[in-house]
Amino acid sequence: MLQVKEGQVDKMGLLFERYHRPLFAFFYHSSGNSTTSEDLVQTVFYRMLKYRHTFTGEGEFRTWMYHLARNVLADAAKKNKPSAHHHDVADYAEKIAGGTAADASLHKEQEVDLLHKAMARLSADQREVLVLSRFQELKYEQIAQLLDTTVGAVKVRAHRALNQLKNIYLTLENGSKVH
């Protein structure tokens, strides 16, 4: 990024190759919408170019990148309401028509769908700390720097968010078995 800051804008391609997938995952786990996530990734890379002068090189690049990503996500949330996960009925019909492997695949997809629904019910702060720590695998120190708080506070937030996610998931799971 320091090379980009110095005017070697062609180096953005390398940064994109390295970081577009983790950024997409961050946005997808936060929004649940792949099209929106792709757009938000593009917005982050645009802002990297636009605000390259703000990168000092003192902290880790990923922390700076996720700071931009959080701002992009916050801006998007102001513009749009959160979207629910949509699944095509044809996808399920195809899996239902199959045998044992299709049954396992459908069960796995239902578990993932349930997890997405549980994640959507978390507060934005809880969801964010889980996405950063569990899905993006940032260290607590990096998250603390990103959120401008202490490592201890991040650990507590992550622990509480994980417990809340577990409770929501189990409640949803029990509710789906009743029907």
C-alpha atoms as a PDB file:
ATOM      1  CA  MET A   1       0.000   0.000   0.000  1.00  0.00           C
ATOM      2  CA  LEU A   2       2.917   2.316   0.627  1.00  0.00           C
ATOM      3  CA  GLN A   3       3.898   1.884  -3.037  1.00  0.00           C
ATOM      4  CA  VAL A   4       0.357   2.778  -4.097  1.00  0.00           C
ATOM      5  CA  LYS A   5       0.528   5.823  -1.837  1.00  0.00           C
ATOM      6  CA  GLU A   6       3.740   6.859  -3.587  1.00  0.00           C
ATOM      7  CA  GLY A   7       1.976   6.766  -6.957  1.00  0.00           C
ATOM      8  CA  GLN A   8       2.461   3.174  -8.143  1.00  0.00           C
ATOM      9  CA  VAL A   9      -1.270   2.722  -8.656  1.00  0.00           C
ATOM     10  CA  ASP A  10      -0.704  -0.463 -10.684  1.00  0.00           C
ATOM     11  CA  LYS A  11       0.098  -2.216  -7.378  1.00  0.00           C
ATOM     12  CA  MET A  12      -3.627  -2.015  -6.508  1.00  0.00           C
ATOM     13  CA  GLY A  13      -4.124  -5.121  -8.661  1.00  0.00           C
ATOM     14  CA  LEU A  14      -1.899  -7.114  -6.321  1.00  0.00           C
ATOM     15  CA  LEU A  15      -3.766  -5.817  -3.266  1.00  0.00           C
ATOM     16  CA  PHE A  16      -7.060  -6.692  -4.927  1.00  0.00           C
ATOM     17  CA  GLU A  17      -5.883 -10.251  -5.640  1.00  0.00           C
ATOM     18  CA  ARG A  18      -4.801 -10.708  -2.032  1.00  0.00           C
ATOM     19  CA  TYR A  19      -7.705  -9.099  -0.228  1.00  0.00           C
ATOM     20  CA  HIS A  20     -10.878  -9.113  -2.323  1.00  0.00           C
ATOM     21  CA  ARG A  21     -11.974 -12.563  -1.070  1.00  0.00           C
ATOM     22  CA  PRO A  22     -11.561 -11.773   2.653  1.00  0.00           C
ATOM     23  CA  LEU A  23     -13.361  -8.455   2.118  1.00  0.00           C
ATOM     24  CA  PHE A  24     -16.173 -10.194   0.239  1.00  0.00           C
ATOM     25  CA  ALA A  25     -16.507 -12.684   3.103  1.00  0.00           C
ATOM     26  CA  PHE A  26     -16.584  -9.836   5.630  1.00  0.00           C
ATOM     27  CA  PHE A  27     -19.398  -8.108   3.756  1.00  0.00           C
ATOM     28  CA  TYR A  28     -21.264 -11.319   3.002  1.00  0.00           C
ATOM     29  CA  HIS A  29     -21.230 -12.415   6.635  1.00  0.00           C
ATOM     30  CA  SER A  30     -22.436  -8.963   7.598  1.00  0.00           C
ATOM     31  CA  SER A  31     -25.111  -8.468   4.932  1.00  0.00           C
ATOM     32  CA  GLY A  32     -25.967 -11.944   3.629  1.00  0.00           C
ATOM     33  CA  ASN A  33     -26.199 -10.630   0.073  1.00  0.00           C
ATOM     34  CA  SER A  34     -23.561 -11.589  -2.480  1.00  0.00           C
ATOM     35  CA  THR A  35     -24.371  -8.837  -5.008  1.00  0.00           C
ATOM     36  CA  THR A  36     -24.232  -6.160  -2.329  1.00  0.00           C
ATOM     37  CA  SER A  37     -21.012  -7.669  -0.987  1.00  0.00           C
ATOM     38  CA  GLU A  38     -19.359  -7.503  -4.419  1.00  0.00           C
ATOM     39  CA  ASP A  39     -20.372  -3.854  -4.757  1.00  0.00           C
ATOM     40  CA  LEU A  40     -19.055  -3.026  -1.296  1.00  0.00           C
ATOM     41  CA  VAL A  41     -15.698  -4.669  -2.074  1.00  0.00           C
ATOM     42  CA  GLN A  42     -15.383  -2.445  -5.143  1.00  0.00           C
ATOM     43  CA  THR A  43     -16.234   0.577  -3.015  1.00  0.00           C
ATOM     44  CA  VAL A  44     -13.492  -0.295  -0.515  1.00  0.00           C
ATOM     45  CA  PHE A  45     -10.860  -0.520  -3.258  1.00  0.00           C
ATOM     46  CA  TYR A  46     -12.077   2.768  -4.712  1.00  0.00           C
ATOM     47  CA  ARG A  47     -11.716   4.369  -1.277  1.00  0.00           C
ATOM     48  CA  MET A  48      -8.260   2.831  -0.867  1.00  0.00           C
ATOM     49  CA  LEU A  49      -7.193   4.752  -3.940  1.00  0.00           C
ATOM     50  CA  LYS A  50      -9.033   7.903  -2.974  1.00  0.00           C
ATOM     51  CA  TYR A  51      -7.719   7.942   0.603  1.00  0.00           C
ATOM     52  CA  ARG A  52      -4.307   6.374   0.021  1.00  0.00           C
ATOM     53  CA  HIS A  53      -2.716   9.469   1.534  1.00  0.00           C
ATOM     54  CA  THR A  54      -4.183   8.472   4.936  1.00  0.00           C
ATOM     55  CA  PHE A  55      -2.270   5.174   5.078  1.00  0.00           C
ATOM     56  CA  THR A  56       0.821   5.814   7.182  1.00  0.00           C
ATOM     57  CA  GLY A  57       2.350   2.347   7.203  1.00  0.00           C
ATOM     58  CA  GLU A  58       2.668   2.422  10.995  1.00  0.00           C
ATOM     59  CA  GLY A  59      -0.163  -0.034  11.610  1.00  0.00           C
ATOM     60  CA  GLU A  60      -0.972  -3.210   9.758  1.00  0.00           C
ATOM     61  CA  PHE A  61      -2.515  -2.776   6.301  1.00  0.00           C
ATOM     62  CA  ARG A  62      -5.388  -5.164   7.067  1.00  0.00           C
ATOM     63  CA  THR A  63      -6.439  -3.055  10.039  1.00  0.00           C
ATOM     64  CA  TRP A  64      -6.555   0.062   7.855  1.00  0.00           C
ATOM     65  CA  MET A  65      -8.425  -1.856   5.140  1.00  0.00           C
ATOM     66  CA  TYR A  66     -11.051  -3.134   7.586  1.00  0.00           C
ATOM     67  CA  HIS A  67     -11.431   0.365   8.972  1.00  0.00           C
ATOM     68  CA  LEU A  68     -12.386   1.486   5.457  1.00  0.00           C
ATOM     69  CA  ALA A  69     -14.611  -1.587   5.076  1.00  0.00           C
ATOM     70  CA  ARG A  70     -16.471  -0.794   8.298  1.00  0.00           C
ATOM     71  CA  ASN A  71     -17.100   2.748   7.077  1.00  0.00           C
ATOM     72  CA  VAL A  72     -18.354   1.447   3.725  1.00  0.00           C
ATOM     73  CA  LEU A  73     -20.656  -0.993   5.525  1.00  0.00           C
ATOM     74  CA  ALA A  74     -21.973   1.763   7.795  1.00  0.00           C
ATOM     75  CA  ASP A  75     -22.631   4.014   4.782  1.00  0.00           C
ATOM     76  CA  ALA A  76     -24.460   1.189   3.006  1.00  0.00           C
ATOM     77  CA  ALA A  77     -26.554   0.474   6.102  1.00  0.00           C
ATOM     78  CA  LYS A  78     -27.650   4.115   6.190  1.00  0.00           C
ATOM     79  CA  LYS A  79     -28.784   3.888   2.559  1.00  0.00           C
ATOM     80  CA  ASN A  80     -30.473   0.477   2.652  1.00  0.00           C
ATOM     81  CA  LYS A  81     -32.340  -1.705   5.040  1.00  0.00           C
ATOM     82  CA  PRO A  82     -30.655  -5.053   5.792  1.00  0.00           C
ATOM     83  CA  SER A  83     -31.665  -7.681   3.279  1.00  0.00           C
ATOM     84  CA  ALA A  84     -32.773 -11.174   4.136  1.00  0.00           C
ATOM     85  CA  HIS A  85     -31.184 -14.232   2.619  1.00  0.00           C
ATOM     86  CA  HIS A  86     -33.023 -15.417  -0.468  1.00  0.00           C
ATOM     87  CA  HIS A  87     -32.767 -18.921  -1.798  1.00  0.00           C
ATOM     88  CA  ASP A  88     -34.136 -20.110  -5.095  1.00  0.00           C
ATOM     89  CA  VAL A  89     -36.788 -22.796  -4.692  1.00  0.00           C
ATOM     90  CA  ALA A  90     -35.369 -24.533  -7.764  1.00  0.00           C
ATOM     91  CA  ASP A  91     -32.108 -25.115  -5.871  1.00  0.00           C
ATOM     92  CA  TYR A  92     -33.999 -26.955  -3.153  1.00  0.00           C
ATOM     93  CA  ALA A  93     -36.150 -28.890  -5.610  1.00  0.00           C
ATOM     94  CA  GLU A  94     -33.052 -30.185  -7.357  1.00  0.00           C
ATOM     95  CA  LYS A  95     -31.534 -31.333  -4.081  1.00  0.00           C
ATOM     96  CA  ILE A  96     -34.766 -32.933  -2.875  1.00  0.00           C
ATOM     97  CA  ALA A  97     -34.946 -35.037  -6.034  1.00  0.00           C
ATOM     98  CA  GLY A  98     -31.521 -36.564  -5.286  1.00  0.00           C
ATOM     99  CA  GLY A  99     -30.536 -39.424  -2.971  1.00  0.00           C
ATOM    100  CA  THR A 100     -28.535 -39.641   0.259  1.00  0.00           C
ATOM    101  CA  ALA A 101     -25.832 -37.219  -0.871  1.00  0.00           C
ATOM    102  CA  ALA A 102     -28.528 -34.724  -1.774  1.00  0.00           C
ATOM    103  CA  ASP A 103     -30.110 -35.219   1.668  1.00  0.00           C
ATOM    104  CA  ALA A 104     -26.803 -34.466   3.368  1.00  0.00           C
ATOM    105  CA  SER A 105     -26.279 -31.450   1.139  1.00  0.00           C
ATOM    106  CA  LEU A 106     -29.770 -30.144   1.861  1.00  0.00           C
ATOM    107  CA  HIS A 107     -29.267 -30.666   5.622  1.00  0.00           C
ATOM    108  CA  LYS A 108     -25.948 -28.801   5.499  1.00  0.00           C
ATOM    109  CA  GLU A 109     -27.524 -25.968   3.524  1.00  0.00           C
ATOM    110  CA  GLN A 110     -30.349 -25.738   6.047  1.00  0.00           C
ATOM    111  CA  GLU A 111     -27.815 -25.511   8.882  1.00  0.00           C
ATOM    112  CA  VAL A 112     -25.945 -22.739   7.068  1.00  0.00           C
ATOM    113  CA  ASP A 113     -29.229 -20.937   6.406  1.00  0.00           C
ATOM    114  CA  LEU A 114     -30.106 -21.228  10.094  1.00  0.00           C
ATOM    115  CA  LEU A 115     -26.692 -19.831  11.027  1.00  0.00           C
ATOM    116  CA  HIS A 116     -27.220 -16.876   8.658  1.00  0.00           C
ATOM    117  CA  LYS A 117     -30.610 -16.206  10.227  1.00  0.00           C
ATOM    118  CA  ALA A 118     -29.073 -16.362  13.709  1.00  0.00           C
ATOM    119  CA  MET A 119     -26.271 -14.007  12.656  1.00  0.00           C
ATOM    120  CA  ALA A 120     -28.845 -11.576  11.251  1.00  0.00           C
ATOM    121  CA  ARG A 121     -30.569 -11.444  14.652  1.00  0.00           C
ATOM    122  CA  LEU A 122     -27.401 -10.340  16.436  1.00  0.00           C
ATOM    123  CA  SER A 123     -26.838  -6.645  16.975  1.00  0.00           C
ATOM    124  CA  ALA A 124     -24.578  -5.024  14.395  1.00  0.00           C
ATOM    125  CA  ASP A 125     -21.787  -4.715  16.984  1.00  0.00           C
ATOM    126  CA  GLN A 126     -22.006  -8.391  17.961  1.00  0.00           C
ATOM    127  CA  ARG A 127     -22.114  -9.524  14.333  1.00  0.00           C
ATOM    128  CA  GLU A 128     -19.138  -7.337  13.462  1.00  0.00           C
ATOM    129  CA  VAL A 129     -16.888  -8.671  16.235  1.00  0.00           C
ATOM    130  CA  LEU A 130     -17.751 -12.277  15.289  1.00  0.00           C
ATOM    131  CA  VAL A 131     -17.147 -11.697  11.594  1.00  0.00           C
ATOM    132  CA  LEU A 132     -13.803 -10.051  12.274  1.00  0.00           C
ATOM    133  CA  SER A 133     -12.604 -12.612  14.822  1.00  0.00           C
ATOM    134  CA  ARG A 134     -14.054 -15.878  13.519  1.00  0.00           C
ATOM    135  CA  PHE A 135     -14.530 -15.430   9.778  1.00  0.00           C
ATOM    136  CA  GLN A 136     -11.775 -12.918   8.980  1.00  0.00           C
ATOM    137  CA  GLU A 137      -9.474 -14.401  11.625  1.00  0.00           C
ATOM    138  CA  LEU A 138      -8.191 -11.057  12.834  1.00  0.00           C
ATOM    139  CA  LYS A 139      -6.351 -11.138  16.130  1.00  0.00           C
ATOM    140  CA  TYR A 140      -7.999  -9.520  19.128  1.00  0.00           C
ATOM    141  CA  GLU A 141      -5.232  -6.885  19.127  1.00  0.00           C
ATOM    142  CA  GLN A 142      -6.094  -5.924  15.545  1.00  0.00           C
ATOM    143  CA  ILE A 143      -9.806  -5.770  16.323  1.00  0.00           C
ATOM    144  CA  ALA A 144      -9.127  -3.653  19.418  1.00  0.00           C
ATOM    145  CA  GLN A 145      -7.157  -1.201  17.310  1.00  0.00           C
ATOM    146  CA  LEU A 146      -9.878  -1.175  14.647  1.00  0.00           C
ATOM    147  CA  LEU A 147     -12.671  -0.610  17.172  1.00  0.00           C
ATOM    148  CA  ASP A 148     -10.568   1.789  19.259  1.00  0.00           C
ATOM    149  CA  THR A 149     -10.966  -0.243  22.440  1.00  0.00           C
ATOM    150  CA  THR A 150      -8.977  -2.626  24.621  1.00  0.00           C
ATOM    151  CA  VAL A 151      -8.126  -6.246  23.879  1.00  0.00           C
ATOM    152  CA  GLY A 152     -10.024  -7.284  27.006  1.00  0.00           C
ATOM    153  CA  ALA A 153     -13.157  -5.503  25.801  1.00  0.00           C
ATOM    154  CA  VAL A 154     -12.902  -7.257  22.433  1.00  0.00           C
ATOM    155  CA  LYS A 155     -12.562 -10.649  24.127  1.00  0.00           C
ATOM    156  CA  VAL A 156     -15.617  -9.970  26.262  1.00  0.00           C
ATOM    157  CA  ARG A 157     -17.626  -8.770  23.237  1.00  0.00           C
ATOM    158  CA  ALA A 158     -16.617 -11.827  21.206  1.00  0.00           C
ATOM    159  CA  HIS A 159     -17.468 -14.205  24.041  1.00  0.00           C
ATOM    160  CA  ARG A 160     -20.860 -12.601  24.634  1.00  0.00           C
ATOM    161  CA  ALA A 161     -21.638 -12.460  20.920  1.00  0.00           C
ATOM    162  CA  LEU A 162     -20.758 -16.135  20.514  1.00  0.00           C
ATOM    163  CA  ASN A 163     -23.013 -17.082  23.444  1.00  0.00           C
ATOM    164  CA  GLN A 164     -25.818 -14.951  22.030  1.00  0.00           C
ATOM    165  CA  LEU A 165     -25.367 -16.547  18.589  1.00  0.00           C
ATOM    166  CA  LYS A 166     -25.508 -20.007  20.146  1.00  0.00           C
ATOM    167  CA  ASN A 167     -28.723 -19.167  22.015  1.00  0.00           C
ATOM    168  CA  ILE A 168     -30.377 -17.693  18.925  1.00  0.00           C
ATOM    169  CA  TYR A 169     -29.278 -20.633  16.774  1.00  0.00           C
ATOM    170  CA  LEU A 170     -30.662 -23.181  19.239  1.00  0.00           C
ATOM    171  CA  THR A 171     -33.926 -21.271  19.503  1.00  0.00           C
ATOM    172  CA  LEU A 172     -34.263 -21.167  15.707  1.00  0.00           C
ATOM    173  CA  GLU A 173     -33.295 -24.812  15.421  1.00  0.00           C
ATOM    174  CA  ASN A 174     -35.906 -25.883  17.978  1.00  0.00           C
ATOM    175  CA  GLY A 175     -38.506 -23.708  16.281  1.00  0.00           C
ATOM    176  CA  SER A 176     -37.823 -25.268  12.875  1.00  0.00           C
ATOM    177  CA  LYS A 177     -38.178 -28.799  14.273  1.00  0.00           C
ATOM    178  CA  VAL A 178     -41.651 -27.991  15.571  1.00  0.00           C
ATOM    179  CA  HIS A 179     -42.992 -27.198  12.092  1.00  0.00           C
END
